[in-house]
C-alpha cells in the first residue's frame, strides 16, 4: 500500500470517527454545552451525507396567489 493510499485510509477513518462521536453525543440525551453542540453540528455539516433531493419549500404550495386573485376579482366587480 502506497503512502498516498495509507493517508487516504487514515483520513477516512478519522472522518468516520468524528461523525460517530458527534452522532453519539447528539443522540445521547446528555445536555451539551454550547461549544460541544457547535462542534457536533459543524462536523455534521462538514462531513454529513449530501441530500438526495432538495428540501421541499412548503410556502410555494400555499394558496396565496389564489387569495389575491379572488380579492382582485371582487374589487373589479
PDB file of N, CA and C in Angstrom:
ATOM      1  N   UNK A   1       0.852  -1.175   0.000  1.00  0.00           N
ATOM      2  CA  UNK A   1       0.000   0.000   0.000  1.00  0.00           C
ATOM      3  C   UNK A   1       0.901   1.242   0.000  1.00  0.00           C
ATOM      4  N   UNK A   2       0.646   2.170  -0.888  1.00  0.00           N
ATOM      5  CA  UNK A   2       1.473   3.372  -1.003  1.00  0.00           C
ATOM      6  C   UNK A   2       1.160   4.355   0.131  1.00  0.00           C
ATOM      7  N   UNK A   3       2.023   5.322   0.301  1.00  0.00           N
ATOM      8  CA  UNK A   3       1.832   6.341   1.340  1.00  0.00           C
ATOM      9  C   UNK A   3       0.546   7.125   1.101  1.00  0.00           C
ATOM     10  N   UNK A   4       0.264   7.413  -0.163  1.00  0.00           N
ATOM     11  CA  UNK A   4      -0.941   8.152  -0.509  1.00  0.00           C
ATOM     12  C   UNK A   4      -2.191   7.365  -0.119  1.00  0.00           C
ATOM     13  N   UNK A   5      -2.193   6.081  -0.393  1.00  0.00           N
ATOM     14  CA  UNK A   5      -3.331   5.233  -0.051  1.00  0.00           C
ATOM     15  C   UNK A   5      -3.484   5.128   1.466  1.00  0.00           C
ATOM     16  N   UNK A   6      -2.360   5.039   2.190  1.00  0.00           N
ATOM     17  CA  UNK A   6      -2.396   4.980   3.649  1.00  0.00           C
ATOM     18  C   UNK A   6      -2.980   6.277   4.218  1.00  0.00           C
ATOM     19  N   UNK A   7      -2.563   7.391   3.647  1.00  0.00           N
ATOM     20  CA  UNK A   7      -3.056   8.690   4.103  1.00  0.00           C
ATOM     21  C   UNK A   7      -4.554   8.813   3.848  1.00  0.00           C
ATOM     22  N   UNK A   8      -5.000   8.397   2.672  1.00  0.00           N
ATOM     23  CA  UNK A   8      -6.429   8.427   2.350  1.00  0.00           C
ATOM     24  C   UNK A   8      -7.212   7.539   3.309  1.00  0.00           C
ATOM     25  N   UNK A   9      -6.675   6.371   3.620  1.00  0.00           N
ATOM     26  CA  UNK A   9      -7.333   5.449   4.529  1.00  0.00           C
ATOM     27  C   UNK A   9      -7.450   6.063   5.930  1.00  0.00           C
ATOM     28  N   UNK A  10      -6.377   6.689   6.397  1.00  0.00           N
ATOM     29  CA  UNK A  10      -6.405   7.347   7.707  1.00  0.00           C
ATOM     30  C   UNK A  10      -7.403   8.489   7.722  1.00  0.00           C
ATOM     31  N   UNK A  11      -7.446   9.237   6.624  1.00  0.00           N
ATOM     32  CA  UNK A  11      -8.393  10.352   6.518  1.00  0.00           C
ATOM     33  C   UNK A  11      -9.827   9.845   6.647  1.00  0.00           C
ATOM     34  N   UNK A  12     -10.146   8.759   5.963  1.00  0.00           N
ATOM     35  CA  UNK A  12     -11.484   8.187   6.031  1.00  0.00           C
ATOM     36  C   UNK A  12     -11.805   7.678   7.433  1.00  0.00           C
ATOM     37  N   UNK A  13     -10.823   7.062   8.094  1.00  0.00           N
ATOM     38  CA  UNK A  13     -11.036   6.556   9.449  1.00  0.00           C
ATOM     39  C   UNK A  13     -11.286   7.701  10.428  1.00  0.00           C
ATOM     40  N   UNK A  14     -10.502   8.772  10.303  1.00  0.00           N
ATOM     41  CA  UNK A  14     -10.673   9.924  11.193  1.00  0.00           C
ATOM     42  C   UNK A  14     -12.026  10.581  10.963  1.00  0.00           C
ATOM     43  N   UNK A  15     -12.416  10.727   9.716  1.00  0.00           N
ATOM     44  CA  UNK A  15     -13.708  11.316   9.389  1.00  0.00           C
ATOM     45  C   UNK A  15     -14.835  10.478   9.972  1.00  0.00           C
ATOM     46  N   UNK A  16     -14.749   9.158   9.814  1.00  0.00           N
ATOM     47  CA  UNK A  16     -15.778   8.273  10.358  1.00  0.00           C
ATOM     48  C   UNK A  16     -15.829   8.380  11.879  1.00  0.00           C
ATOM     49  N   UNK A  17     -14.678   8.462  12.523  1.00  0.00           N
ATOM     50  CA  UNK A  17     -14.617   8.594  13.973  1.00  0.00           C
ATOM     51  C   UNK A  17     -15.265   9.897  14.431  1.00  0.00           C
ATOM     52  N   UNK A  18     -14.957  10.997  13.741  1.00  0.00           N
ATOM     53  CA  UNK A  18     -15.566  12.284  14.083  1.00  0.00           C
ATOM     54  C   UNK A  18     -17.085  12.237  13.966  1.00  0.00           C
ATOM     55  N   UNK A  19     -17.563  11.669  12.871  1.00  0.00           N
ATOM     56  CA  UNK A  19     -19.009  11.573  12.648  1.00  0.00           C
ATOM     57  C   UNK A  19     -19.656  10.694  13.710  1.00  0.00           C
ATOM     58  N   UNK A  20     -19.048   9.554  14.010  1.00  0.00           N
ATOM     59  CA  UNK A  20     -19.602   8.647  15.018  1.00  0.00           C
ATOM     60  C   UNK A  20     -19.666   9.303  16.389  1.00  0.00           C
ATOM     61  N   UNK A  21     -18.606  10.012  16.777  1.00  0.00           N
ATOM     62  CA  UNK A  21     -18.591  10.662  18.083  1.00  0.00           C
ATOM     63  C   UNK A  21     -19.604  11.798  18.149  1.00  0.00           C
ATOM     64  N   UNK A  22     -19.731  12.573  17.078  1.00  0.00           N
ATOM     65  CA  UNK A  22     -20.717  13.651  17.051  1.00  0.00           C
ATOM     66  C   UNK A  22     -22.127  13.083  17.149  1.00  0.00           C
ATOM     67  N   UNK A  23     -22.385  12.024  16.404  1.00  0.00           N
ATOM     68  CA  UNK A  23     -23.705  11.397  16.445  1.00  0.00           C
ATOM     69  C   UNK A  23     -24.003  10.849  17.835  1.00  0.00           C
ATOM     70  N   UNK A  24     -23.018  10.220  18.436  1.00  0.00           N
ATOM     71  CA  UNK A  24     -23.191   9.648  19.771  1.00  0.00           C
ATOM     72  C   UNK A  24     -23.524  10.745  20.785  1.00  0.00           C
ATOM     73  N   UNK A  25     -22.805  11.870  20.730  1.00  0.00           N
ATOM     74  CA  UNK A  25     -23.065  12.966  21.664  1.00  0.00           C
ATOM     75  C   UNK A  25     -24.443  13.576  21.441  1.00  0.00           C
ATOM     76  N   UNK A  26     -24.793  13.804  20.159  1.00  0.00           N
ATOM     77  CA  UNK A  26     -26.065  14.446  19.856  1.00  0.00           C
ATOM     78  C   UNK A  26     -27.260  13.558  20.213  1.00  0.00           C
ATOM     79  N   UNK A  27     -27.111  12.255  20.096  1.00  0.00           N
ATOM     80  CA  UNK A  27     -28.239  11.355  20.367  1.00  0.00           C
ATOM     81  C   UNK A  27     -28.211  10.761  21.774  1.00  0.00           C
ATOM     82  N   UNK A  28     -27.258  11.160  22.611  1.00  0.00           N
ATOM     83  CA  UNK A  28     -27.127  10.565  23.944  1.00  0.00           C
ATOM     84  C   UNK A  28     -28.184  11.056  24.927  1.00  0.00           C
ATOM     85  N   UNK A  29     -28.736  12.226  24.689  1.00  0.00           N
ATOM     86  CA  UNK A  29     -29.698  12.776  25.631  1.00  0.00           C
ATOM     87  C   UNK A  29     -29.048  13.582  26.736  1.00  0.00           C
ATOM     88  N   UNK A  30     -27.726  13.568  26.786  1.00  0.00           N
ATOM     89  CA  UNK A  30     -26.990  14.346  27.776  1.00  0.00           C
ATOM     90  C   UNK A  30     -26.988  15.804  27.345  1.00  0.00           C
ATOM     91  N   UNK A  31     -27.172  16.707  28.306  1.00  0.00           N
ATOM     92  CA  UNK A  31     -27.160  18.130  27.975  1.00  0.00           C
ATOM     93  C   UNK A  31     -25.743  18.538  27.583  1.00  0.00           C
ATOM     94  N   UNK A  32     -25.615  19.135  26.400  1.00  0.00           N
ATOM     95  CA  UNK A  32     -24.304  19.536  25.879  1.00  0.00           C
ATOM     96  C   UNK A  32     -24.101  21.027  26.088  1.00  0.00           C
ATOM     97  N   UNK A  33     -22.850  21.401  26.268  1.00  0.00           N
ATOM     98  CA  UNK A  33     -22.535  22.823  26.335  1.00  0.00           C
ATOM     99  C   UNK A  33     -22.692  23.416  24.934  1.00  0.00           C
ATOM    100  N   UNK A  34     -22.754  24.714  24.864  1.00  0.00           N
ATOM    101  CA  UNK A  34     -22.926  25.374  23.568  1.00  0.00           C
ATOM    102  C   UNK A  34     -21.749  25.058  22.640  1.00  0.00           C
ATOM    103  N   UNK A  35     -20.532  25.025  23.192  1.00  0.00           N
ATOM    104  CA  UNK A  35     -19.375  24.752  22.336  1.00  0.00           C
ATOM    105  C   UNK A  35     -19.378  23.298  21.849  1.00  0.00           C
ATOM    106  N   UNK A  36     -19.783  22.346  22.706  1.00  0.00           N
ATOM    107  CA  UNK A  36     -19.894  20.944  22.273  1.00  0.00           C
ATOM    108  C   UNK A  36     -20.931  20.802  21.164  1.00  0.00           C
ATOM    109  N   UNK A  37     -22.060  21.452  21.349  1.00  0.00           N
ATOM    110  CA  UNK A  37     -23.125  21.387  20.351  1.00  0.00           C
ATOM    111  C   UNK A  37     -22.672  21.988  19.024  1.00  0.00           C
ATOM    112  N   UNK A  38     -21.969  23.122  19.086  1.00  0.00           N
ATOM    113  CA  UNK A  38     -21.480  23.752  17.859  1.00  0.00           C
ATOM    114  C   UNK A  38     -20.498  22.847  17.131  1.00  0.00           C
ATOM    115  N   UNK A  39     -19.578  22.220  17.871  1.00  0.00           N
ATOM    116  CA  UNK A  39     -18.608  21.326  17.241  1.00  0.00           C
ATOM    117  C   UNK A  39     -19.322  20.156  16.570  1.00  0.00           C
ATOM    118  N   UNK A  40     -20.280  19.564  17.272  1.00  0.00           N
ATOM    119  CA  UNK A  40     -21.016  18.432  16.692  1.00  0.00           C
ATOM    120  C   UNK A  40     -21.776  18.841  15.440  1.00  0.00           C
ATOM    121  N   UNK A  41     -22.421  19.983  15.476  1.00  0.00           N
ATOM    122  CA  UNK A  41     -23.181  20.437  14.316  1.00  0.00           C
ATOM    123  C   UNK A  41     -22.264  20.814  13.154  1.00  0.00           C
ATOM    124  N   UNK A  42     -21.104  21.406  13.458  1.00  0.00           N
ATOM    125  CA  UNK A  42     -20.140  21.728  12.401  1.00  0.00           C
ATOM    126  C   UNK A  42     -19.610  20.461  11.731  1.00  0.00           C
ATOM    127  N   UNK A  43     -19.359  19.438  12.536  1.00  0.00           N
ATOM    128  CA  UNK A  43     -18.914  18.151  11.978  1.00  0.00           C
ATOM    129  C   UNK A  43     -20.007  17.564  11.091  1.00  0.00           C
ATOM    130  N   UNK A  44     -21.248  17.646  11.561  1.00  0.00           N
ATOM    131  CA  UNK A  44     -22.367  17.117  10.772  1.00  0.00           C
ATOM    132  C   UNK A  44     -22.495  17.837   9.442  1.00  0.00           C
ATOM    133  N   UNK A  45     -22.350  19.157   9.461  1.00  0.00           N
ATOM    134  CA  UNK A  45     -22.431  19.931   8.215  1.00  0.00           C
ATOM    135  C   UNK A  45     -21.278  19.601   7.282  1.00  0.00           C
ATOM    136  N   UNK A  46     -20.078  19.515   7.838  1.00  0.00           N
ATOM    137  CA  UNK A  46     -18.894  19.325   7.004  1.00  0.00           C
ATOM    138  C   UNK A  46     -18.811  17.935   6.396  1.00  0.00           C
ATOM    139  N   UNK A  47     -19.185  16.927   7.157  1.00  0.00           N
ATOM    140  CA  UNK A  47     -18.971  15.552   6.701  1.00  0.00           C
ATOM    141  C   UNK A  47     -20.256  14.765   6.505  1.00  0.00           C
ATOM    142  N   UNK A  48     -21.389  15.404   6.669  1.00  0.00           N
ATOM    143  CA  UNK A  48     -22.659  14.701   6.550  1.00  0.00           C
ATOM    144  C   UNK A  48     -22.945  14.275   5.131  1.00  0.00           C
ATOM    145  N   UNK A  49     -23.883  13.388   5.007  1.00  0.00           N
ATOM    146  CA  UNK A  49     -24.297  12.893   3.691  1.00  0.00           C
ATOM    147  C   UNK A  49     -25.080  13.993   2.991  1.00  0.00           C
ATOM    148  N   UNK A  50     -24.774  14.184   1.737  1.00  0.00           N
ATOM    149  CA  UNK A  50     -25.493  15.194   0.974  1.00  0.00           C
ATOM    150  C   UNK A  50     -26.916  14.733   0.719  1.00  0.00           C
ATOM    151  N   UNK A  51     -27.816  15.703   0.621  1.00  0.00           N
ATOM    152  CA  UNK A  51     -29.220  15.398   0.398  1.00  0.00           C
ATOM    153  C   UNK A  51     -29.413  14.837  -1.001  1.00  0.00           C
ATOM    154  N   UNK A  52     -30.286  13.844  -1.097  1.00  0.00           N
ATOM    155  CA  UNK A  52     -30.569  13.249  -2.394  1.00  0.00           C
ATOM    156  C   UNK A  52     -31.481  14.149  -3.218  1.00  0.00           C
ATOM    157  N   UNK A  53     -32.392  14.822  -2.539  1.00  0.00           N
ATOM    158  CA  UNK A  53     -33.263  15.738  -3.247  1.00  0.00           C
ATOM    159  C   UNK A  53     -33.369  17.024  -2.449  1.00  0.00           C
ATOM    160  N   UNK A  54     -33.688  18.075  -3.125  1.00  0.00           N
ATOM    161  CA  UNK A  54     -33.764  19.378  -2.493  1.00  0.00           C
ATOM    162  C   UNK A  54     -34.950  19.407  -1.520  1.00  0.00           C
ATOM    163  N   UNK A  55     -34.786  20.054  -0.363  1.00  0.00           N
ATOM    164  CA  UNK A  55     -35.905  20.133   0.580  1.00  0.00           C
ATOM    165  C   UNK A  55     -37.093  20.854  -0.053  1.00  0.00           C
ATOM    166  N   UNK A  56     -38.271  20.416   0.290  1.00  0.00           N
ATOM    167  CA  UNK A  56     -39.483  20.985  -0.277  1.00  0.00           C
ATOM    168  C   UNK A  56     -39.792  22.313   0.405  1.00  0.00           C
ATOM    169  N   UNK A  57     -40.074  23.320  -0.372  1.00  0.00           N
ATOM    170  CA  UNK A  57     -40.450  24.624   0.155  1.00  0.00           C
ATOM    171  C   UNK A  57     -41.963  24.636   0.322  1.00  0.00           C
ATOM    172  N   UNK A  58     -42.421  24.529   1.566  1.00  0.00           N
ATOM    173  CA  UNK A  58     -43.864  24.406   1.803  1.00  0.00           C
ATOM    174  C   UNK A  58     -44.608  25.699   1.511  1.00  0.00           C
ATOM    175  N   UNK A  59     -43.912  26.813   1.500  1.00  0.00           N
ATOM    176  CA  UNK A  59     -44.564  28.095   1.242  1.00  0.00           C
ATOM    177  C   UNK A  59     -45.057  28.167  -0.200  1.00  0.00           C
ATOM    178  N   UNK A  60     -44.359  27.509  -1.114  1.00  0.00           N
ATOM    179  CA  UNK A  60     -44.766  27.540  -2.516  1.00  0.00           C
ATOM    180  C   UNK A  60     -46.128  26.901  -2.736  1.00  0.00           C
ATOM    181  N   UNK A  61     -46.521  25.982  -1.861  1.00  0.00           N
ATOM    182  CA  UNK A  61     -47.780  25.275  -2.041  1.00  0.00           C
ATOM    183  C   UNK A  61     -48.969  25.992  -1.412  1.00  0.00           C
ATOM    184  N   UNK A  62     -48.725  27.074  -0.691  1.00  0.00           N
ATOM    185  CA  UNK A  62     -49.821  27.787  -0.055  1.00  0.00           C
ATOM    186  C   UNK A  62     -50.604  28.587  -1.092  1.00  0.00           C
ATOM    187  N   UNK A  63     -51.901  28.714  -0.895  1.00  0.00           N
ATOM    188  CA  UNK A  63     -52.753  29.342  -1.912  1.00  0.00           C
ATOM    189  C   UNK A  63     -52.785  30.867  -1.849  1.00  0.00           C
ATOM    190  N   UNK A  64     -51.655  31.535  -1.642  1.00  0.00           N
ATOM    191  CA  UNK A  64     -51.651  32.987  -1.572  1.00  0.00           C
ATOM    192  C   UNK A  64     -52.075  33.616  -2.891  1.00  0.00           C
ATOM    193  N   UNK A  65     -51.605  33.076  -3.985  1.00  0.00           N
ATOM    194  CA  UNK A  65     -51.951  33.637  -5.290  1.00  0.00           C
ATOM    195  C   UNK A  65     -53.449  33.541  -5.546  1.00  0.00           C
ATOM    196  N   UNK A  66     -54.057  32.442  -5.159  1.00  0.00           N
ATOM    197  CA  UNK A  66     -55.490  32.274  -5.361  1.00  0.00           C
ATOM    198  C   UNK A  66     -56.271  33.285  -4.536  1.00  0.00           C
ATOM    199  N   UNK A  67     -55.827  33.547  -3.318  1.00  0.00           N
ATOM    200  CA  UNK A  67     -56.487  34.522  -2.462  1.00  0.00           C
ATOM    201  C   UNK A  67     -56.384  35.909  -3.072  1.00  0.00           C
ATOM    202  N   UNK A  68     -55.227  36.269  -3.573  1.00  0.00           N
ATOM    203  CA  UNK A  68     -55.038  37.572  -4.213  1.00  0.00           C
ATOM    204  C   UNK A  68     -55.906  37.689  -5.462  1.00  0.00           C
ATOM    205  N   UNK A  69     -55.989  36.618  -6.248  1.00  0.00           N
ATOM    206  CA  UNK A  69     -56.825  36.636  -7.450  1.00  0.00           C
ATOM    207  C   UNK A  69     -58.284  36.852  -7.086  1.00  0.00           C
ATOM    208  N   UNK A  70     -58.749  36.156  -6.042  1.00  0.00           N
ATOM    209  CA  UNK A  70     -60.140  36.304  -5.613  1.00  0.00           C
ATOM    210  C   UNK A  70     -60.419  37.738  -5.136  1.00  0.00           C
ATOM    211  N   UNK A  71     -59.485  38.321  -4.397  1.00  0.00           N
ATOM    212  CA  UNK A  71     -59.662  39.683  -3.913  1.00  0.00           C
ATOM    213  C   UNK A  71     -59.657  40.665  -5.078  1.00  0.00           C
ATOM    214  N   UNK A  72     -58.789  40.445  -6.046  1.00  0.00           N
ATOM    215  CA  UNK A  72     -58.749  41.345  -7.218  1.00  0.00           C
ATOM    216  C   UNK A  72     -60.025  41.236  -8.037  1.00  0.00           C
ATOM    217  N   UNK A  73     -60.581  40.046  -8.160  1.00  0.00           N
ATOM    218  CA  UNK A  73     -61.832  39.865  -8.912  1.00  0.00           C
ATOM    219  C   UNK A  73     -62.980  40.557  -8.196  1.00  0.00           C
ATOM    220  N   UNK A  74     -63.010  40.502  -6.862  1.00  0.00           N
ATOM    221  CA  UNK A  74     -64.065  41.169  -6.093  1.00  0.00           C
ATOM    222  C   UNK A  74     -63.970  42.683  -6.260  1.00  0.00           C
ATOM    223  N   UNK A  75     -62.761  43.209  -6.312  1.00  0.00           N
ATOM    224  CA  UNK A  75     -62.581  44.654  -6.480  1.00  0.00           C
ATOM    225  C   UNK A  75     -63.063  45.100  -7.854  1.00  0.00           C
ATOM    226  N   UNK A  76     -62.896  44.248  -8.875  1.00  0.00           N
ATOM    227  CA  UNK A  76     -63.322  44.595 -10.236  1.00  0.00           C
ATOM    228  C   UNK A  76     -64.841  44.653 -10.320  1.00  0.00           C
ATOM    229  N   UNK A  77     -65.506  43.827  -9.514  1.00  0.00           N
ATOM    230  CA  UNK A  77     -66.971  43.796  -9.574  1.00  0.00           C
ATOM    231  C   UNK A  77     -67.507  44.984  -8.877  1.00  0.00           C
TER     232      UNK A  77
END
